[in-house]
Amino acid sequence: MAQKLLLRYKDNERMNHWFLALMFFLAGLSGLAFFHPSFYFFTHLFGGGAWARILHPFMGVLMVISFLGLFFRLWKQNTFTDADREWKKHMGDMLKGNKASLPPVGKYNYGQKMVFWAMTLSLVVLLVTGVMFWRPWFDGVFPIPVQRVAVLLHAVSAVVLVISTVVHVYAAIWVKGTVRAMTRGTVTESWAKLNHPLWHQEMTKK
């Protein structure tokens, strides 16, 4: 007998998510090309060094705009609660696969919320610092020492964003049944009951 499915993400939310993923991938590769000479060959994907430098900030801005679409939908569900602090104490059980000992959580658990806010903070820093040395539009507005600090913060924030994304993707693959939430928009009721019991209760009451 087929399991009952619960809607986790609407079509427009999933389209937003995959557009964000595409912009992250393209902005990441073009940015990596200028991060170290050994990665400069990535510029060939964008038509050469000049085009990679031109396109990179525009793709970054599109990435931030796309993330805003998710942020305003999801930020309330990603605020921390007492249940999250209790879940944090049992994080080791999660890593061991012992989900039975974890406190019940809503749509997102503590780890997912940490990734969400790490992405939010890193994108804010990337946007602000990127504008500060965006040539030829804004680089003359800020003194050279400030631009150098901005470049450093930009690189650090990019690393934080990449690590957060890797954790996000790994967790989605590791927890079986999660990927279909962003490919089909639905999850099985048993998945919801096991991983997000409070959200399961909320959805089944509806």
C-alpha atoms as a PDB file:
ATOM      1  CA  MET A   1       0.000   0.000   0.000  1.00  0.00           C
ATOM      2  CA  ALA A   2       1.371   3.394  -1.019  1.00  0.00           C
ATOM      3  CA  GLN A   3       2.279   5.702   1.826  1.00  0.00           C
ATOM      4  CA  LYS A   4       0.444   8.948   2.327  1.00  0.00           C
ATOM      5  CA  LEU A   5       2.466  11.936   1.148  1.00  0.00           C
ATOM      6  CA  LEU A   6       2.723  15.324   2.829  1.00  0.00           C
ATOM      7  CA  LEU A   7       3.470  18.552   0.960  1.00  0.00           C
ATOM      8  CA  ARG A   8       6.728  20.022   2.262  1.00  0.00           C
ATOM      9  CA  TYR A   9       7.588  22.542  -0.451  1.00  0.00           C
ATOM     10  CA  LYS A  10       5.407  24.172  -3.099  1.00  0.00           C
ATOM     11  CA  ASP A  11       6.479  24.364  -6.747  1.00  0.00           C
ATOM     12  CA  ASN A  12       7.571  28.007  -6.545  1.00  0.00           C
ATOM     13  CA  GLU A  13       9.661  27.281  -3.437  1.00  0.00           C
ATOM     14  CA  ARG A  14      11.454  24.431  -5.184  1.00  0.00           C
ATOM     15  CA  MET A  15      12.056  26.482  -8.334  1.00  0.00           C
ATOM     16  CA  ASN A  16      13.490  29.244  -6.158  1.00  0.00           C
ATOM     17  CA  HIS A  17      15.718  26.725  -4.381  1.00  0.00           C
ATOM     18  CA  TRP A  18      17.143  25.268  -7.605  1.00  0.00           C
ATOM     19  CA  PHE A  19      17.714  28.692  -9.140  1.00  0.00           C
ATOM     20  CA  LEU A  20      19.590  29.629  -5.956  1.00  0.00           C
ATOM     21  CA  ALA A  21      21.640  26.435  -6.243  1.00  0.00           C
ATOM     22  CA  LEU A  22      22.495  27.255  -9.870  1.00  0.00           C
ATOM     23  CA  MET A  23      23.603  30.792  -9.014  1.00  0.00           C
ATOM     24  CA  PHE A  24      25.642  29.484  -6.083  1.00  0.00           C
ATOM     25  CA  PHE A  25      27.397  27.000  -8.368  1.00  0.00           C
ATOM     26  CA  LEU A  26      28.171  29.569 -11.070  1.00  0.00           C
ATOM     27  CA  ALA A  27      29.171  32.355  -8.684  1.00  0.00           C
ATOM     28  CA  GLY A  28      31.279  29.867  -6.741  1.00  0.00           C
ATOM     29  CA  LEU A  29      33.193  28.647  -9.787  1.00  0.00           C
ATOM     30  CA  SER A  30      33.786  32.152 -11.132  1.00  0.00           C
ATOM     31  CA  GLY A  31      34.877  33.355  -7.689  1.00  0.00           C
ATOM     32  CA  LEU A  32      37.152  30.362  -7.214  1.00  0.00           C
ATOM     33  CA  ALA A  33      38.857  31.240 -10.494  1.00  0.00           C
ATOM     34  CA  PHE A  34      40.139  34.454  -8.898  1.00  0.00           C
ATOM     35  CA  PHE A  35      40.790  32.940  -5.483  1.00  0.00           C
ATOM     36  CA  HIS A  36      43.971  31.148  -6.560  1.00  0.00           C
ATOM     37  CA  PRO A  37      45.887  30.951  -9.879  1.00  0.00           C
ATOM     38  CA  SER A  38      45.521  27.156  -9.985  1.00  0.00           C
ATOM     39  CA  PHE A  39      41.749  27.596 -10.351  1.00  0.00           C
ATOM     40  CA  TYR A  40      41.959  30.226 -13.094  1.00  0.00           C
ATOM     41  CA  PHE A  41      40.991  27.643 -15.747  1.00  0.00           C
ATOM     42  CA  PHE A  42      37.392  27.942 -14.489  1.00  0.00           C
ATOM     43  CA  THR A  43      37.224  31.280 -16.310  1.00  0.00           C
ATOM     44  CA  HIS A  44      36.940  29.340 -19.593  1.00  0.00           C
ATOM     45  CA  LEU A  45      33.423  28.316 -18.517  1.00  0.00           C
ATOM     46  CA  PHE A  46      32.406  31.976 -18.668  1.00  0.00           C
ATOM     47  CA  GLY A  47      34.165  33.075 -21.851  1.00  0.00           C
ATOM     48  CA  GLY A  48      37.507  34.038 -20.325  1.00  0.00           C
ATOM     49  CA  GLY A  49      38.869  36.060 -17.423  1.00  0.00           C
ATOM     50  CA  ALA A  50      37.261  39.361 -18.390  1.00  0.00           C
ATOM     51  CA  TRP A  51      33.773  37.890 -18.720  1.00  0.00           C
ATOM     52  CA  ALA A  52      34.152  35.859 -15.517  1.00  0.00           C
ATOM     53  CA  ARG A  53      35.055  39.037 -13.627  1.00  0.00           C
ATOM     54  CA  ILE A  54      32.086  40.896 -15.150  1.00  0.00           C
ATOM     55  CA  LEU A  55      29.538  38.130 -14.576  1.00  0.00           C
ATOM     56  CA  HIS A  56      30.612  37.046 -11.077  1.00  0.00           C
ATOM     57  CA  PRO A  57      29.096  39.984  -9.125  1.00  0.00           C
ATOM     58  CA  PHE A  58      25.851  39.878 -11.122  1.00  0.00           C
ATOM     59  CA  MET A  59      25.442  36.169 -10.413  1.00  0.00           C
ATOM     60  CA  GLY A  60      26.207  36.895  -6.754  1.00  0.00           C
ATOM     61  CA  VAL A  61      23.472  39.528  -6.607  1.00  0.00           C
ATOM     62  CA  LEU A  62      20.992  37.130  -8.249  1.00  0.00           C
ATOM     63  CA  MET A  63      21.972  34.514  -5.663  1.00  0.00           C
ATOM     64  CA  VAL A  64      21.245  36.924  -2.799  1.00  0.00           C
ATOM     65  CA  ILE A  65      17.902  37.985  -4.328  1.00  0.00           C
ATOM     66  CA  SER A  66      16.935  34.338  -4.769  1.00  0.00           C
ATOM     67  CA  PHE A  67      17.895  33.570  -1.169  1.00  0.00           C
ATOM     68  CA  LEU A  68      15.738  36.454   0.023  1.00  0.00           C
ATOM     69  CA  GLY A  69      12.774  34.673  -1.541  1.00  0.00           C
ATOM     70  CA  LEU A  70      13.463  31.700   0.727  1.00  0.00           C
ATOM     71  CA  PHE A  71      14.476  33.786   3.731  1.00  0.00           C
ATOM     72  CA  PHE A  72      11.196  35.655   4.052  1.00  0.00           C
ATOM     73  CA  ARG A  73       9.251  32.398   3.738  1.00  0.00           C
ATOM     74  CA  LEU A  74      11.318  30.419   6.220  1.00  0.00           C
ATOM     75  CA  TRP A  75      12.937  32.685   8.809  1.00  0.00           C
ATOM     76  CA  LYS A  76      10.151  32.312  11.378  1.00  0.00           C
ATOM     77  CA  GLN A  77      10.387  28.530  11.159  1.00  0.00           C
ATOM     78  CA  ASN A  78      14.144  28.810  11.714  1.00  0.00           C
ATOM     79  CA  THR A  79      14.053  30.767  14.962  1.00  0.00           C
ATOM     80  CA  PHE A  80      15.572  28.875  17.882  1.00  0.00           C
ATOM     81  CA  THR A  81      13.379  27.435  20.636  1.00  0.00           C
ATOM     82  CA  ASP A  82      13.885  25.542  23.889  1.00  0.00           C
ATOM     83  CA  ALA A  83      13.295  22.334  21.923  1.00  0.00           C
ATOM     84  CA  ASP A  84      16.257  23.203  19.695  1.00  0.00           C
ATOM     85  CA  ARG A  85      18.523  23.707  22.697  1.00  0.00           C
ATOM     86  CA  GLU A  86      17.467  20.314  23.990  1.00  0.00           C
ATOM     87  CA  TRP A  87      18.022  18.776  20.542  1.00  0.00           C
ATOM     88  CA  LYS A  88      21.534  20.242  20.513  1.00  0.00           C
ATOM     89  CA  LYS A  89      22.394  18.238  23.646  1.00  0.00           C
ATOM     90  CA  HIS A  90      21.491  15.035  21.792  1.00  0.00           C
ATOM     91  CA  MET A  91      23.257  15.878  18.538  1.00  0.00           C
ATOM     92  CA  GLY A  92      25.682  13.017  19.101  1.00  0.00           C
ATOM     93  CA  ASP A  93      22.774  10.569  18.983  1.00  0.00           C
ATOM     94  CA  MET A  94      21.788  12.012  15.613  1.00  0.00           C
ATOM     95  CA  LEU A  95      25.273  11.424  14.237  1.00  0.00           C
ATOM     96  CA  LYS A  96      25.138   7.835  15.530  1.00  0.00           C
ATOM     97  CA  GLY A  97      21.801   7.288  13.808  1.00  0.00           C
ATOM     98  CA  ASN A  98      19.931   6.936  17.096  1.00  0.00           C
ATOM     99  CA  LYS A  99      16.962   9.144  16.216  1.00  0.00           C
ATOM    100  CA  ALA A 100      14.683   7.611  18.842  1.00  0.00           C
ATOM    101  CA  SER A 101      16.429   9.533  21.642  1.00  0.00           C
ATOM    102  CA  LEU A 102      16.105  12.912  19.912  1.00  0.00           C
ATOM    103  CA  PRO A 103      13.541  15.414  21.203  1.00  0.00           C
ATOM    104  CA  PRO A 104      10.648  16.030  18.760  1.00  0.00           C
ATOM    105  CA  VAL A 105      11.180  18.959  16.407  1.00  0.00           C
ATOM    106  CA  GLY A 106       9.085  20.999  14.011  1.00  0.00           C
ATOM    107  CA  LYS A 107       9.757  21.587  10.319  1.00  0.00           C
ATOM    108  CA  TYR A 108      13.475  22.155  10.944  1.00  0.00           C
ATOM    109  CA  ASN A 109      15.868  20.838  13.573  1.00  0.00           C
ATOM    110  CA  TYR A 110      18.699  22.687  15.302  1.00  0.00           C
ATOM    111  CA  GLY A 111      21.306  21.630  12.736  1.00  0.00           C
ATOM    112  CA  GLN A 112      19.189  22.800   9.807  1.00  0.00           C
ATOM    113  CA  LYS A 113      18.565  26.125  11.520  1.00  0.00           C
ATOM    114  CA  MET A 114      22.290  26.623  12.120  1.00  0.00           C
ATOM    115  CA  VAL A 115      22.955  26.047   8.414  1.00  0.00           C
ATOM    116  CA  PHE A 116      20.162  28.484   7.502  1.00  0.00           C
ATOM    117  CA  TRP A 117      21.586  31.296   9.649  1.00  0.00           C
ATOM    118  CA  ALA A 118      25.176  30.570   8.605  1.00  0.00           C
ATOM    119  CA  MET A 119      24.097  30.949   4.987  1.00  0.00           C
ATOM    120  CA  THR A 120      22.168  34.117   5.786  1.00  0.00           C
ATOM    121  CA  LEU A 121      25.090  35.776   7.569  1.00  0.00           C
ATOM    122  CA  SER A 122      27.656  34.755   4.966  1.00  0.00           C
ATOM    123  CA  LEU A 123      25.490  36.036   2.103  1.00  0.00           C
ATOM    124  CA  VAL A 124      24.977  39.386   3.827  1.00  0.00           C
ATOM    125  CA  VAL A 125      28.741  39.765   4.278  1.00  0.00           C
ATOM    126  CA  LEU A 126      29.394  38.634   0.695  1.00  0.00           C
ATOM    127  CA  LEU A 127      26.949  41.196  -0.672  1.00  0.00           C
ATOM    128  CA  VAL A 128      28.235  44.120   1.408  1.00  0.00           C
ATOM    129  CA  THR A 129      31.921  43.393   0.876  1.00  0.00           C
ATOM    130  CA  GLY A 130      31.436  42.525  -2.788  1.00  0.00           C
ATOM    131  CA  VAL A 131      29.878  45.897  -3.483  1.00  0.00           C
ATOM    132  CA  MET A 132      32.823  47.614  -1.806  1.00  0.00           C
ATOM    133  CA  PHE A 133      35.287  46.441  -4.480  1.00  0.00           C
ATOM    134  CA  TRP A 134      32.898  45.959  -7.423  1.00  0.00           C
ATOM    135  CA  ARG A 135      34.725  47.519 -10.353  1.00  0.00           C
ATOM    136  CA  PRO A 136      34.172  49.870 -12.012  1.00  0.00           C
ATOM    137  CA  TRP A 137      31.009  50.836 -10.158  1.00  0.00           C
ATOM    138  CA  PHE A 138      31.864  51.249  -6.474  1.00  0.00           C
ATOM    139  CA  ASP A 139      35.569  50.625  -5.936  1.00  0.00           C
ATOM    140  CA  GLY A 140      36.414  54.349  -6.058  1.00  0.00           C
ATOM    141  CA  VAL A 141      34.001  55.059  -3.207  1.00  0.00           C
ATOM    142  CA  PHE A 142      36.057  53.201  -0.597  1.00  0.00           C
ATOM    143  CA  PRO A 143      39.756  53.676   0.290  1.00  0.00           C
ATOM    144  CA  ILE A 144      42.213  50.924  -0.654  1.00  0.00           C
ATOM    145  CA  PRO A 145      42.802  49.657   2.948  1.00  0.00           C
ATOM    146  CA  VAL A 146      39.036  49.238   3.418  1.00  0.00           C
ATOM    147  CA  GLN A 147      38.786  47.377   0.125  1.00  0.00           C
ATOM    148  CA  ARG A 148      41.556  45.013   1.187  1.00  0.00           C
ATOM    149  CA  VAL A 149      39.719  44.172   4.388  1.00  0.00           C
ATOM    150  CA  ALA A 150      36.557  43.700   2.336  1.00  0.00           C
ATOM    151  CA  VAL A 151      38.342  41.243   0.019  1.00  0.00           C
ATOM    152  CA  LEU A 152      39.531  39.214   3.015  1.00  0.00           C
ATOM    153  CA  LEU A 153      36.060  39.134   4.601  1.00  0.00           C
ATOM    154  CA  HIS A 154      34.566  38.254   1.226  1.00  0.00           C
ATOM    155  CA  ALA A 155      36.840  35.223   0.930  1.00  0.00           C
ATOM    156  CA  VAL A 156      36.175  34.069   4.510  1.00  0.00           C
ATOM    157  CA  SER A 157      32.419  34.411   4.024  1.00  0.00           C
ATOM    158  CA  ALA A 158      32.620  32.476   0.765  1.00  0.00           C
ATOM    159  CA  VAL A 159      34.366  29.615   2.585  1.00  0.00           C
ATOM    160  CA  VAL A 160      31.663  29.647   5.296  1.00  0.00           C
ATOM    161  CA  LEU A 161      28.948  29.540   2.625  1.00  0.00           C
ATOM    162  CA  VAL A 162      30.609  26.650   0.800  1.00  0.00           C
ATOM    163  CA  ILE A 163      31.025  24.646   4.023  1.00  0.00           C
ATOM    164  CA  SER A 164      27.401  25.339   4.994  1.00  0.00           C
ATOM    165  CA  THR A 165      26.227  24.206   1.571  1.00  0.00           C
ATOM    166  CA  VAL A 166      28.301  21.027   1.731  1.00  0.00           C
ATOM    167  CA  VAL A 167      26.766  20.211   5.140  1.00  0.00           C
ATOM    168  CA  HIS A 168      23.305  20.987   3.747  1.00  0.00           C
ATOM    169  CA  VAL A 169      23.746  18.692   0.734  1.00  0.00           C
ATOM    170  CA  TYR A 170      25.388  15.910   2.748  1.00  0.00           C
ATOM    171  CA  ALA A 171      22.596  15.944   5.332  1.00  0.00           C
ATOM    172  CA  ALA A 172      19.948  15.849   2.603  1.00  0.00           C
ATOM    173  CA  ILE A 173      21.570  12.772   1.063  1.00  0.00           C
ATOM    174  CA  TRP A 174      22.359  11.135   4.404  1.00  0.00           C
ATOM    175  CA  VAL A 175      18.774  11.315   5.707  1.00  0.00           C
ATOM    176  CA  LYS A 176      16.995   8.991   3.319  1.00  0.00           C
ATOM    177  CA  GLY A 177      13.861  10.446   1.768  1.00  0.00           C
ATOM    178  CA  THR A 178      14.906  14.079   2.183  1.00  0.00           C
ATOM    179  CA  VAL A 179      15.981  14.763  -1.403  1.00  0.00           C
ATOM    180  CA  ARG A 180      12.500  14.065  -2.768  1.00  0.00           C
ATOM    181  CA  ALA A 181      11.245  17.070  -0.771  1.00  0.00           C
ATOM    182  CA  MET A 182      13.122  19.348  -3.184  1.00  0.00           C
ATOM    183  CA  THR A 183      12.620  17.238  -6.309  1.00  0.00           C
ATOM    184  CA  ARG A 184       8.951  16.296  -5.928  1.00  0.00           C
ATOM    185  CA  GLY A 185       7.868  18.630  -3.149  1.00  0.00           C
ATOM    186  CA  THR A 186       6.512  15.849  -0.948  1.00  0.00           C
ATOM    187  CA  VAL A 187       7.738  13.489   1.773  1.00  0.00           C
ATOM    188  CA  THR A 188       6.253  10.307   3.087  1.00  0.00           C
ATOM    189  CA  GLU A 189       4.273  10.437   6.292  1.00  0.00           C
ATOM    190  CA  SER A 190       6.638   7.937   7.908  1.00  0.00           C
ATOM    191  CA  TRP A 191       9.610  10.212   7.053  1.00  0.00           C
ATOM    192  CA  ALA A 192       7.875  13.187   8.621  1.00  0.00           C
ATOM    193  CA  LYS A 193       6.892  11.221  11.708  1.00  0.00           C
ATOM    194  CA  LEU A 194      10.454   9.969  12.204  1.00  0.00           C
ATOM    195  CA  ASN A 195      12.421  13.142  11.456  1.00  0.00           C
ATOM    196  CA  HIS A 196      10.029  16.022  12.216  1.00  0.00           C
ATOM    197  CA  PRO A 197       7.242  14.681  14.441  1.00  0.00           C
ATOM    198  CA  LEU A 198       5.894  18.087  15.527  1.00  0.00           C
ATOM    199  CA  TRP A 199       5.642  19.192  11.901  1.00  0.00           C
ATOM    200  CA  HIS A 200       3.972  15.861  11.108  1.00  0.00           C
ATOM    201  CA  GLN A 201       1.364  16.534  13.781  1.00  0.00           C
ATOM    202  CA  GLU A 202       0.776  20.023  12.424  1.00  0.00           C
ATOM    203  CA  MET A 203       0.327  18.779   8.856  1.00  0.00           C
ATOM    204  CA  THR A 204      -1.919  15.847   9.715  1.00  0.00           C
ATOM    205  CA  LYS A 205      -4.191  18.098  11.805  1.00  0.00           C
ATOM    206  CA  LYS A 206      -4.647  20.285   8.750  1.00  0.00           C
END
